[in-house]
């Protein structure tokens, strides 16, 4: 029984750590757009609303040929830690640029 629980735990951990392109697109757009709205700089990034931001960023990585799941997860983790000063200084996580080298973000 303990062995089965261990295997299940490892499997769930592995599955949870994997971030497909679609999930990354969604989380990346949500985190970035919410941060830009919270910091009141949506307009400085060319968006008139959080919905416009979300619509534009939602499919950034969907067509990526060289997608890196590890970098994508790191990107989301780091975006969640960002504050407005990071946004003002344009210090977005480098991992976001490594999630897909041919994406037009970062």
N, C-alpha and C. Protein backbone atom coordinates (compact mmCIF):
# COMPACT_ATOMS: atom_id res chain seq x y z
N UNK A 1 0.83 -1.20 0.00
CA UNK A 1 0.00 0.00 0.00
C UNK A 1 0.87 1.26 0.00
N UNK A 2 1.88 1.28 0.83
CA UNK A 2 2.77 2.44 0.91
C UNK A 2 3.46 2.66 -0.43
N UNK A 3 3.87 1.60 -1.06
CA UNK A 3 4.54 1.69 -2.35
C UNK A 3 3.61 2.29 -3.41
N UNK A 4 2.35 1.89 -3.38
CA UNK A 4 1.38 2.42 -4.34
C UNK A 4 1.13 3.90 -4.11
N UNK A 5 1.05 4.32 -2.86
CA UNK A 5 0.86 5.74 -2.54
C UNK A 5 2.07 6.56 -2.98
N UNK A 6 3.24 6.00 -2.79
CA UNK A 6 4.47 6.67 -3.21
C UNK A 6 4.47 6.87 -4.72
N UNK A 7 4.15 5.81 -5.46
CA UNK A 7 4.10 5.90 -6.93
C UNK A 7 3.06 6.91 -7.39
N UNK A 8 1.91 6.92 -6.74
CA UNK A 8 0.86 7.86 -7.08
C UNK A 8 1.31 9.29 -6.81
N UNK A 9 1.96 9.51 -5.68
CA UNK A 9 2.46 10.84 -5.32
C UNK A 9 3.47 11.33 -6.34
N UNK A 10 4.39 10.47 -6.73
CA UNK A 10 5.40 10.85 -7.72
C UNK A 10 4.74 11.16 -9.06
N UNK A 11 3.79 10.36 -9.46
CA UNK A 11 3.08 10.58 -10.72
C UNK A 11 2.34 11.91 -10.70
N UNK A 12 1.65 12.20 -9.62
CA UNK A 12 0.91 13.46 -9.52
C UNK A 12 1.86 14.65 -9.50
N UNK A 13 2.98 14.50 -8.84
CA UNK A 13 3.98 15.57 -8.80
C UNK A 13 4.51 15.83 -10.21
N UNK A 14 4.81 14.78 -10.94
CA UNK A 14 5.31 14.91 -12.30
C UNK A 14 4.27 15.55 -13.21
N UNK A 15 3.05 15.10 -13.13
CA UNK A 15 1.98 15.65 -13.98
C UNK A 15 1.74 17.12 -13.64
N UNK A 16 1.76 17.45 -12.36
CA UNK A 16 1.54 18.83 -11.94
C UNK A 16 2.65 19.76 -12.38
N UNK A 17 3.87 19.22 -12.47
CA UNK A 17 5.02 20.04 -12.86
C UNK A 17 5.03 20.32 -14.36
N UNK A 18 4.37 19.47 -15.14
CA UNK A 18 4.34 19.66 -16.58
C UNK A 18 3.36 20.78 -16.93
N UNK A 19 3.81 21.64 -17.80
CA UNK A 19 2.94 22.74 -18.20
C UNK A 19 2.91 22.77 -19.72
N UNK A 20 1.77 22.35 -20.25
CA UNK A 20 1.60 22.38 -21.69
C UNK A 20 1.48 23.81 -22.20
N UNK A 21 1.61 23.97 -23.50
CA UNK A 21 1.56 25.31 -24.10
C UNK A 21 0.24 26.02 -23.82
N UNK A 22 -0.85 25.30 -23.92
CA UNK A 22 -2.17 25.92 -23.72
C UNK A 22 -2.32 26.43 -22.28
N UNK A 23 -1.91 25.62 -21.31
CA UNK A 23 -1.99 26.03 -19.91
C UNK A 23 -1.06 27.20 -19.65
N UNK A 24 0.14 27.15 -20.24
CA UNK A 24 1.08 28.25 -20.05
C UNK A 24 0.54 29.54 -20.66
N UNK A 25 -0.02 29.45 -21.86
CA UNK A 25 -0.61 30.63 -22.49
C UNK A 25 -1.64 31.29 -21.57
N UNK A 26 -2.50 30.46 -21.01
CA UNK A 26 -3.57 30.96 -20.14
C UNK A 26 -2.99 31.60 -18.87
N UNK A 27 -2.10 30.91 -18.20
CA UNK A 27 -1.55 31.43 -16.95
C UNK A 27 -0.65 32.64 -17.18
N UNK A 28 0.12 32.61 -18.26
CA UNK A 28 0.99 33.74 -18.58
C UNK A 28 0.15 34.99 -18.81
N UNK A 29 -0.90 34.87 -19.61
CA UNK A 29 -1.77 36.02 -19.89
C UNK A 29 -2.44 36.51 -18.61
N UNK A 30 -2.96 35.59 -17.81
CA UNK A 30 -3.64 35.99 -16.57
C UNK A 30 -2.69 36.71 -15.62
N UNK A 31 -1.51 36.15 -15.39
CA UNK A 31 -0.56 36.75 -14.45
C UNK A 31 -0.06 38.11 -14.94
N UNK A 32 0.36 38.17 -16.20
CA UNK A 32 0.89 39.43 -16.74
C UNK A 32 -0.17 40.52 -16.77
N UNK A 33 -1.34 40.19 -17.29
CA UNK A 33 -2.38 41.20 -17.44
C UNK A 33 -2.88 41.69 -16.09
N UNK A 34 -3.03 40.79 -15.13
CA UNK A 34 -3.45 41.21 -13.80
C UNK A 34 -2.40 42.11 -13.16
N UNK A 35 -1.15 41.77 -13.34
CA UNK A 35 -0.06 42.58 -12.80
C UNK A 35 -0.05 43.97 -13.43
N UNK A 36 -0.21 44.03 -14.74
CA UNK A 36 -0.25 45.32 -15.43
C UNK A 36 -1.44 46.16 -14.98
N UNK A 37 -2.56 45.50 -14.76
CA UNK A 37 -3.74 46.23 -14.28
C UNK A 37 -3.53 46.71 -12.84
N UNK A 38 -3.03 45.83 -11.98
CA UNK A 38 -2.79 46.20 -10.58
C UNK A 38 -1.82 47.38 -10.47
N UNK A 39 -0.86 47.42 -11.37
CA UNK A 39 0.15 48.49 -11.35
C UNK A 39 -0.27 49.70 -12.18
N UNK A 40 -1.48 49.63 -12.74
CA UNK A 40 -2.07 50.73 -13.51
C UNK A 40 -1.21 51.15 -14.70
N UNK A 41 -0.68 50.16 -15.42
CA UNK A 41 0.17 50.45 -16.58
C UNK A 41 -0.29 49.73 -17.85
N UNK A 42 -1.51 49.24 -17.87
CA UNK A 42 -2.00 48.56 -19.08
C UNK A 42 -1.81 49.44 -20.31
N UNK A 43 -2.15 50.72 -20.19
CA UNK A 43 -2.05 51.63 -21.33
C UNK A 43 -0.61 51.81 -21.79
N UNK A 44 0.34 51.77 -20.87
CA UNK A 44 1.76 51.91 -21.22
C UNK A 44 2.24 50.72 -22.04
N UNK A 45 1.56 49.61 -21.92
CA UNK A 45 1.90 48.41 -22.68
C UNK A 45 0.99 48.24 -23.89
N UNK A 46 0.18 49.26 -24.17
CA UNK A 46 -0.64 49.27 -25.37
C UNK A 46 -2.01 48.61 -25.26
N UNK A 47 -2.47 48.40 -24.04
CA UNK A 47 -3.77 47.76 -23.83
C UNK A 47 -4.75 48.75 -23.23
N UNK A 48 -5.98 48.73 -23.73
CA UNK A 48 -7.00 49.63 -23.19
C UNK A 48 -7.77 48.97 -22.05
N UNK A 49 -7.63 47.64 -21.91
CA UNK A 49 -8.32 46.93 -20.84
C UNK A 49 -7.60 45.61 -20.55
N UNK A 50 -7.94 45.03 -19.42
CA UNK A 50 -7.36 43.74 -19.07
C UNK A 50 -7.82 42.66 -20.05
N UNK A 51 -9.04 42.79 -20.56
CA UNK A 51 -9.55 41.83 -21.55
C UNK A 51 -8.76 41.89 -22.86
N UNK A 52 -8.42 43.09 -23.28
CA UNK A 52 -7.63 43.24 -24.51
C UNK A 52 -6.24 42.62 -24.31
N UNK A 53 -5.65 42.87 -23.16
CA UNK A 53 -4.35 42.28 -22.83
C UNK A 53 -4.43 40.76 -22.87
N UNK A 54 -5.44 40.23 -22.20
CA UNK A 54 -5.62 38.78 -22.14
C UNK A 54 -5.82 38.19 -23.54
N UNK A 55 -6.64 38.83 -24.34
CA UNK A 55 -6.91 38.34 -25.69
C UNK A 55 -5.63 38.30 -26.53
N UNK A 56 -4.80 39.33 -26.38
CA UNK A 56 -3.58 39.40 -27.19
C UNK A 56 -2.53 38.40 -26.72
N UNK A 57 -2.40 38.23 -25.42
CA UNK A 57 -1.36 37.34 -24.91
C UNK A 57 -1.77 35.88 -24.84
N UNK A 58 -3.04 35.60 -24.92
CA UNK A 58 -3.56 34.25 -24.70
C UNK A 58 -2.96 33.19 -25.64
N UNK A 59 -2.64 33.52 -26.86
CA UNK A 59 -2.13 32.52 -27.80
C UNK A 59 -0.70 32.78 -28.25
N UNK A 60 0.06 33.43 -27.41
CA UNK A 60 1.45 33.76 -27.74
C UNK A 60 2.30 32.52 -27.96
N UNK A 61 2.12 31.51 -27.12
CA UNK A 61 2.99 30.34 -27.16
C UNK A 61 2.36 29.12 -27.83
N UNK A 62 1.14 29.24 -28.26
CA UNK A 62 0.40 28.11 -28.81
C UNK A 62 1.09 27.48 -30.03
N UNK A 63 1.69 28.28 -30.86
CA UNK A 63 2.33 27.79 -32.09
C UNK A 63 3.83 27.59 -31.93
N UNK A 64 4.32 27.58 -30.72
CA UNK A 64 5.75 27.48 -30.46
C UNK A 64 6.31 26.12 -30.87
N UNK A 65 7.41 26.14 -31.59
CA UNK A 65 8.05 24.89 -32.01
C UNK A 65 9.10 24.41 -31.01
N UNK A 66 9.66 25.32 -30.25
CA UNK A 66 10.73 24.95 -29.32
C UNK A 66 10.34 25.28 -27.87
N UNK A 67 9.19 24.81 -27.47
CA UNK A 67 8.62 25.09 -26.16
C UNK A 67 9.38 24.35 -25.06
N UNK A 68 9.70 25.08 -23.97
CA UNK A 68 10.44 24.52 -22.84
C UNK A 68 9.53 24.52 -21.61
N UNK A 69 9.02 23.36 -21.21
CA UNK A 69 8.08 23.25 -20.09
C UNK A 69 8.68 23.72 -18.78
N UNK A 70 9.94 23.41 -18.55
CA UNK A 70 10.60 23.81 -17.31
C UNK A 70 10.70 25.34 -17.22
N UNK A 71 11.10 25.98 -18.29
CA UNK A 71 11.18 27.44 -18.32
C UNK A 71 9.80 28.06 -18.17
N UNK A 72 8.78 27.44 -18.76
CA UNK A 72 7.41 27.95 -18.65
C UNK A 72 6.95 27.94 -17.20
N UNK A 73 7.19 26.85 -16.50
CA UNK A 73 6.80 26.76 -15.10
C UNK A 73 7.55 27.79 -14.26
N UNK A 74 8.84 27.93 -14.52
CA UNK A 74 9.65 28.92 -13.80
C UNK A 74 9.15 30.33 -14.08
N UNK A 75 8.76 30.59 -15.32
CA UNK A 75 8.22 31.90 -15.70
C UNK A 75 6.99 32.24 -14.86
N UNK A 76 6.05 31.31 -14.81
CA UNK A 76 4.81 31.56 -14.05
C UNK A 76 5.11 31.74 -12.57
N UNK A 77 5.98 30.91 -12.02
CA UNK A 77 6.35 31.04 -10.60
C UNK A 77 6.95 32.41 -10.32
N UNK A 78 7.80 32.88 -11.22
CA UNK A 78 8.45 34.18 -11.04
C UNK A 78 7.48 35.34 -11.28
N UNK A 79 6.57 35.21 -12.25
CA UNK A 79 5.57 36.25 -12.48
C UNK A 79 4.72 36.47 -11.22
N UNK A 80 4.40 35.38 -10.53
CA UNK A 80 3.58 35.47 -9.32
C UNK A 80 4.29 36.23 -8.20
N UNK A 81 5.61 36.29 -8.25
CA UNK A 81 6.39 36.98 -7.22
C UNK A 81 6.65 38.45 -7.55
N UNK A 82 6.31 38.86 -8.77
CA UNK A 82 6.61 40.22 -9.19
C UNK A 82 5.76 41.26 -8.47
N UNK A 83 6.32 42.46 -8.37
CA UNK A 83 5.59 43.59 -7.80
C UNK A 83 5.63 44.74 -8.81
N UNK A 84 4.98 45.83 -8.46
CA UNK A 84 4.89 46.95 -9.40
C UNK A 84 6.25 47.56 -9.71
N UNK A 85 7.14 47.59 -8.77
CA UNK A 85 8.47 48.14 -9.05
C UNK A 85 9.17 47.32 -10.12
N UNK A 86 9.00 46.01 -10.09
CA UNK A 86 9.57 45.16 -11.13
C UNK A 86 8.99 45.52 -12.49
N UNK A 87 7.69 45.80 -12.54
CA UNK A 87 7.04 46.18 -13.79
C UNK A 87 7.57 47.52 -14.26
N UNK A 88 7.65 48.50 -13.35
CA UNK A 88 8.14 49.84 -13.72
C UNK A 88 9.57 49.75 -14.27
N UNK A 89 10.36 48.85 -13.71
CA UNK A 89 11.74 48.68 -14.14
C UNK A 89 11.87 47.70 -15.31
N UNK A 90 10.73 47.17 -15.76
CA UNK A 90 10.66 46.19 -16.86
C UNK A 90 11.57 44.99 -16.60
N UNK A 91 11.50 44.49 -15.37
CA UNK A 91 12.29 43.32 -14.98
C UNK A 91 11.39 42.08 -14.97
N UNK A 92 11.01 41.65 -16.16
CA UNK A 92 10.21 40.45 -16.27
C UNK A 92 11.14 39.24 -16.21
N UNK A 93 10.65 38.12 -15.73
CA UNK A 93 11.51 36.95 -15.55
C UNK A 93 12.15 36.48 -16.86
N UNK A 94 13.47 36.29 -16.85
CA UNK A 94 14.15 35.79 -18.04
C UNK A 94 13.60 34.45 -18.52
N UNK A 95 13.12 33.63 -17.59
CA UNK A 95 12.58 32.32 -17.96
C UNK A 95 11.43 32.45 -18.95
N UNK A 96 10.69 33.55 -18.90
CA UNK A 96 9.56 33.73 -19.81
C UNK A 96 10.05 33.80 -21.26
N UNK A 97 11.20 34.39 -21.46
CA UNK A 97 11.79 34.45 -22.80
C UNK A 97 12.37 33.12 -23.25
N UNK A 98 12.62 32.24 -22.30
CA UNK A 98 13.19 30.93 -22.63
C UNK A 98 12.12 29.87 -22.84
N UNK A 99 10.89 30.16 -22.45
CA UNK A 99 9.80 29.18 -22.61
C UNK A 99 9.57 28.86 -24.09
N UNK A 100 9.77 29.86 -24.92
CA UNK A 100 9.68 29.68 -26.37
C UNK A 100 10.55 30.72 -27.02
N UNK A 101 11.61 30.28 -27.63
CA UNK A 101 12.57 31.23 -28.18
C UNK A 101 12.05 32.03 -29.37
N UNK A 102 11.01 31.53 -30.05
CA UNK A 102 10.50 32.26 -31.22
C UNK A 102 9.22 33.05 -30.90
N UNK A 103 8.87 33.17 -29.61
CA UNK A 103 7.68 33.94 -29.24
C UNK A 103 8.03 35.42 -29.18
N UNK A 104 7.06 36.30 -29.48
CA UNK A 104 7.32 37.73 -29.50
C UNK A 104 7.24 38.42 -28.14
N UNK A 105 7.44 37.67 -27.05
CA UNK A 105 7.37 38.24 -25.70
C UNK A 105 8.73 38.11 -25.05
N UNK A 106 9.16 39.17 -24.36
CA UNK A 106 10.44 39.23 -23.65
C UNK A 106 11.57 39.04 -24.61
